[in-house]
Amino acid sequence: MSELATRKCKPCEGGMPALTPTEAAQLLTQISSAWTMTENAQAIRREFRFRDFYRTMSFVNALAHLANIEDHHPDLQIGYNYCRVTYTTHAMGGLSENDFVCAAKADLIPLA
């Protein structure tokens, strides 16, 4: 388990700087290699695949619960057997540590 998964999200306020691409790249190494960073280093993304709609929605519900606990919410694209998750911190206009904390926690949700 990544050490990031043990952290809690911190409140984000506008006007605070987003992570630099170098800082974001360093944090990216601490989560699953399935996560990718956008070219402009403004977001991280991962696609989760499932056998069927029931399992997809079970994952989405678990992720929604995590988002509410952490008060940090991803953008989602959902289909029959997939969920594409994007994290970015809108208040900062880019990535924050919270995005990586939530990604690390999402990595722990069972996919079966």
C-alpha atoms as a PDB file:
ATOM      1  CA  MET A   1       0.000   0.000   0.000  1.00  0.00           C
ATOM      2  CA  SER A   2       1.265   3.442  -0.902  1.00  0.00           C
ATOM      3  CA  GLU A   3       1.983   5.776   1.988  1.00  0.00           C
ATOM      4  CA  LEU A   4      -0.266   8.255   0.182  1.00  0.00           C
ATOM      5  CA  ALA A   5      -3.255   5.999   0.894  1.00  0.00           C
ATOM      6  CA  THR A   6      -2.782   6.576   4.632  1.00  0.00           C
ATOM      7  CA  ARG A   7      -3.075  10.364   4.329  1.00  0.00           C
ATOM      8  CA  LYS A   8      -6.215  12.500   4.533  1.00  0.00           C
ATOM      9  CA  CYS A   9      -7.094  15.190   2.027  1.00  0.00           C
ATOM     10  CA  LYS A  10      -6.456  18.764   3.098  1.00  0.00           C
ATOM     11  CA  PRO A  11      -8.922  21.574   2.428  1.00  0.00           C
ATOM     12  CA  CYS A  12      -8.172  23.333  -0.878  1.00  0.00           C
ATOM     13  CA  GLU A  13      -8.608  27.017  -1.347  1.00  0.00           C
ATOM     14  CA  GLY A  14      -8.390  29.112  -4.466  1.00  0.00           C
ATOM     15  CA  GLY A  15      -5.229  31.121  -4.900  1.00  0.00           C
ATOM     16  CA  MET A  16      -2.950  28.320  -3.717  1.00  0.00           C
ATOM     17  CA  PRO A  17      -0.498  27.067  -6.359  1.00  0.00           C
ATOM     18  CA  ALA A  18      -0.975  23.726  -8.086  1.00  0.00           C
ATOM     19  CA  LEU A  19       1.855  21.208  -8.029  1.00  0.00           C
ATOM     20  CA  THR A  20       4.637  21.775 -10.512  1.00  0.00           C
ATOM     21  CA  PRO A  21       5.017  19.123 -13.221  1.00  0.00           C
ATOM     22  CA  THR A  22       8.128  17.859 -11.408  1.00  0.00           C
ATOM     23  CA  GLU A  23       6.307  17.562  -8.067  1.00  0.00           C
ATOM     24  CA  ALA A  24       3.366  15.825  -9.747  1.00  0.00           C
ATOM     25  CA  ALA A  25       5.657  13.395 -11.577  1.00  0.00           C
ATOM     26  CA  GLN A  26       7.291  12.438  -8.275  1.00  0.00           C
ATOM     27  CA  LEU A  27       3.914  11.703  -6.652  1.00  0.00           C
ATOM     28  CA  LEU A  28       2.816   9.765  -9.743  1.00  0.00           C
ATOM     29  CA  THR A  29       5.547   7.208  -8.987  1.00  0.00           C
ATOM     30  CA  GLN A  30       3.852   6.462  -5.655  1.00  0.00           C
ATOM     31  CA  ILE A  31       0.550   5.213  -7.120  1.00  0.00           C
ATOM     32  CA  SER A  32      -0.378   2.446  -9.566  1.00  0.00           C
ATOM     33  CA  SER A  33       1.395   2.651 -12.909  1.00  0.00           C
ATOM     34  CA  ALA A  34      -2.075   2.505 -14.505  1.00  0.00           C
ATOM     35  CA  TRP A  35      -2.490   6.210 -13.644  1.00  0.00           C
ATOM     36  CA  THR A  36      -1.276   8.634 -16.285  1.00  0.00           C
ATOM     37  CA  MET A  37      -0.721  12.360 -16.111  1.00  0.00           C
ATOM     38  CA  THR A  38      -2.120  14.648 -18.798  1.00  0.00           C
ATOM     39  CA  GLU A  39       0.443  16.332 -21.043  1.00  0.00           C
ATOM     40  CA  ASN A  40      -0.062  19.674 -19.327  1.00  0.00           C
ATOM     41  CA  ALA A  41       0.280  18.073 -15.838  1.00  0.00           C
ATOM     42  CA  GLN A  42      -3.184  19.384 -14.902  1.00  0.00           C
ATOM     43  CA  ALA A  43      -4.819  16.022 -14.116  1.00  0.00           C
ATOM     44  CA  ILE A  44      -4.252  12.303 -13.601  1.00  0.00           C
ATOM     45  CA  ARG A  45      -6.400   9.598 -15.196  1.00  0.00           C
ATOM     46  CA  ARG A  46      -7.014   5.885 -14.965  1.00  0.00           C
ATOM     47  CA  GLU A  47      -9.472   3.505 -16.594  1.00  0.00           C
ATOM     48  CA  PHE A  48     -10.822   0.652 -14.489  1.00  0.00           C
ATOM     49  CA  ARG A  49     -12.336  -2.347 -16.335  1.00  0.00           C
ATOM     50  CA  PHE A  50     -14.970  -4.770 -15.030  1.00  0.00           C
ATOM     51  CA  ARG A  51     -16.788  -7.954 -16.070  1.00  0.00           C
ATOM     52  CA  ASP A  52     -20.232  -6.403 -16.001  1.00  0.00           C
ATOM     53  CA  PHE A  53     -22.376  -3.411 -15.108  1.00  0.00           C
ATOM     54  CA  TYR A  54     -23.028  -4.576 -11.547  1.00  0.00           C
ATOM     55  CA  ARG A  55     -19.302  -4.643 -10.738  1.00  0.00           C
ATOM     56  CA  THR A  56     -18.778  -1.309 -12.464  1.00  0.00           C
ATOM     57  CA  MET A  57     -21.484   0.316 -10.363  1.00  0.00           C
ATOM     58  CA  SER A  58     -20.204  -1.337  -7.169  1.00  0.00           C
ATOM     59  CA  PHE A  59     -16.822   0.275  -7.826  1.00  0.00           C
ATOM     60  CA  VAL A  60     -18.433   3.640  -8.640  1.00  0.00           C
ATOM     61  CA  ASN A  61     -20.415   3.543  -5.384  1.00  0.00           C
ATOM     62  CA  ALA A  62     -17.272   2.703  -3.390  1.00  0.00           C
ATOM     63  CA  LEU A  63     -15.406   5.526  -5.129  1.00  0.00           C
ATOM     64  CA  ALA A  64     -18.268   7.958  -4.416  1.00  0.00           C
ATOM     65  CA  HIS A  65     -18.141   6.974  -0.741  1.00  0.00           C
ATOM     66  CA  LEU A  66     -14.392   7.609  -0.693  1.00  0.00           C
ATOM     67  CA  ALA A  67     -14.881  10.977  -2.409  1.00  0.00           C
ATOM     68  CA  ASN A  68     -17.412  12.063   0.209  1.00  0.00           C
ATOM     69  CA  ILE A  69     -15.185  10.968   3.103  1.00  0.00           C
ATOM     70  CA  GLU A  70     -12.206  12.853   1.655  1.00  0.00           C
ATOM     71  CA  ASP A  71     -14.317  15.769   0.355  1.00  0.00           C
ATOM     72  CA  HIS A  72     -12.389  15.523  -2.918  1.00  0.00           C
ATOM     73  CA  HIS A  73     -14.383  14.456  -5.952  1.00  0.00           C
ATOM     74  CA  PRO A  74     -13.199  12.981  -9.258  1.00  0.00           C
ATOM     75  CA  ASP A  75     -14.644  13.419 -12.714  1.00  0.00           C
ATOM     76  CA  LEU A  76     -16.061  10.102 -13.914  1.00  0.00           C
ATOM     77  CA  GLN A  77     -16.993   8.543 -17.247  1.00  0.00           C
ATOM     78  CA  ILE A  78     -18.968   5.356 -16.763  1.00  0.00           C
ATOM     79  CA  GLY A  79     -20.093   2.628 -19.143  1.00  0.00           C
ATOM     80  CA  TYR A  80     -21.251  -0.959 -18.982  1.00  0.00           C
ATOM     81  CA  ASN A  81     -17.855  -2.400 -17.997  1.00  0.00           C
ATOM     82  CA  TYR A  82     -15.571   0.544 -17.382  1.00  0.00           C
ATOM     83  CA  CYS A  83     -15.067   3.622 -15.249  1.00  0.00           C
ATOM     84  CA  ARG A  84     -12.637   6.344 -16.295  1.00  0.00           C
ATOM     85  CA  VAL A  85     -11.499   8.387 -13.302  1.00  0.00           C
ATOM     86  CA  THR A  86      -9.896  11.825 -13.569  1.00  0.00           C
ATOM     87  CA  TYR A  87      -8.535  13.746 -10.623  1.00  0.00           C
ATOM     88  CA  THR A  88      -7.668  17.428 -10.697  1.00  0.00           C
ATOM     89  CA  THR A  89      -8.072  20.178  -8.128  1.00  0.00           C
ATOM     90  CA  HIS A  90     -10.336  22.748  -9.759  1.00  0.00           C
ATOM     91  CA  ALA A  91      -9.764  25.337  -7.005  1.00  0.00           C
ATOM     92  CA  MET A  92      -6.030  25.297  -7.799  1.00  0.00           C
ATOM     93  CA  GLY A  93      -6.308  24.949 -11.551  1.00  0.00           C
ATOM     94  CA  GLY A  94      -4.201  21.795 -11.603  1.00  0.00           C
ATOM     95  CA  LEU A  95      -2.968  18.940  -9.466  1.00  0.00           C
ATOM     96  CA  SER A  96      -2.680  18.907  -5.683  1.00  0.00           C
ATOM     97  CA  GLU A  97      -1.506  16.240  -3.269  1.00  0.00           C
ATOM     98  CA  ASN A  98      -5.196  15.451  -2.661  1.00  0.00           C
ATOM     99  CA  ASP A  99      -5.486  14.070  -6.192  1.00  0.00           C
ATOM    100  CA  PHE A 100      -2.728  11.556  -5.507  1.00  0.00           C
ATOM    101  CA  VAL A 101      -4.084  10.674  -2.051  1.00  0.00           C
ATOM    102  CA  CYS A 102      -7.463   9.834  -3.590  1.00  0.00           C
ATOM    103  CA  ALA A 103      -5.883   7.939  -6.489  1.00  0.00           C
ATOM    104  CA  ALA A 104      -3.892   5.832  -4.012  1.00  0.00           C
ATOM    105  CA  LYS A 105      -7.084   5.095  -2.079  1.00  0.00           C
ATOM    106  CA  ALA A 106      -8.981   4.258  -5.283  1.00  0.00           C
ATOM    107  CA  ASP A 107      -6.231   1.733  -6.072  1.00  0.00           C
ATOM    108  CA  LEU A 108      -7.255  -0.140  -2.909  1.00  0.00           C
ATOM    109  CA  ILE A 109     -10.906  -0.624  -3.902  1.00  0.00           C
ATOM    110  CA  PRO A 110     -11.426  -4.299  -4.829  1.00  0.00           C
ATOM    111  CA  LEU A 111     -12.125  -4.762  -8.532  1.00  0.00           C
ATOM    112  CA  ALA A 112     -13.704  -8.236  -8.409  1.00  0.00           C
END
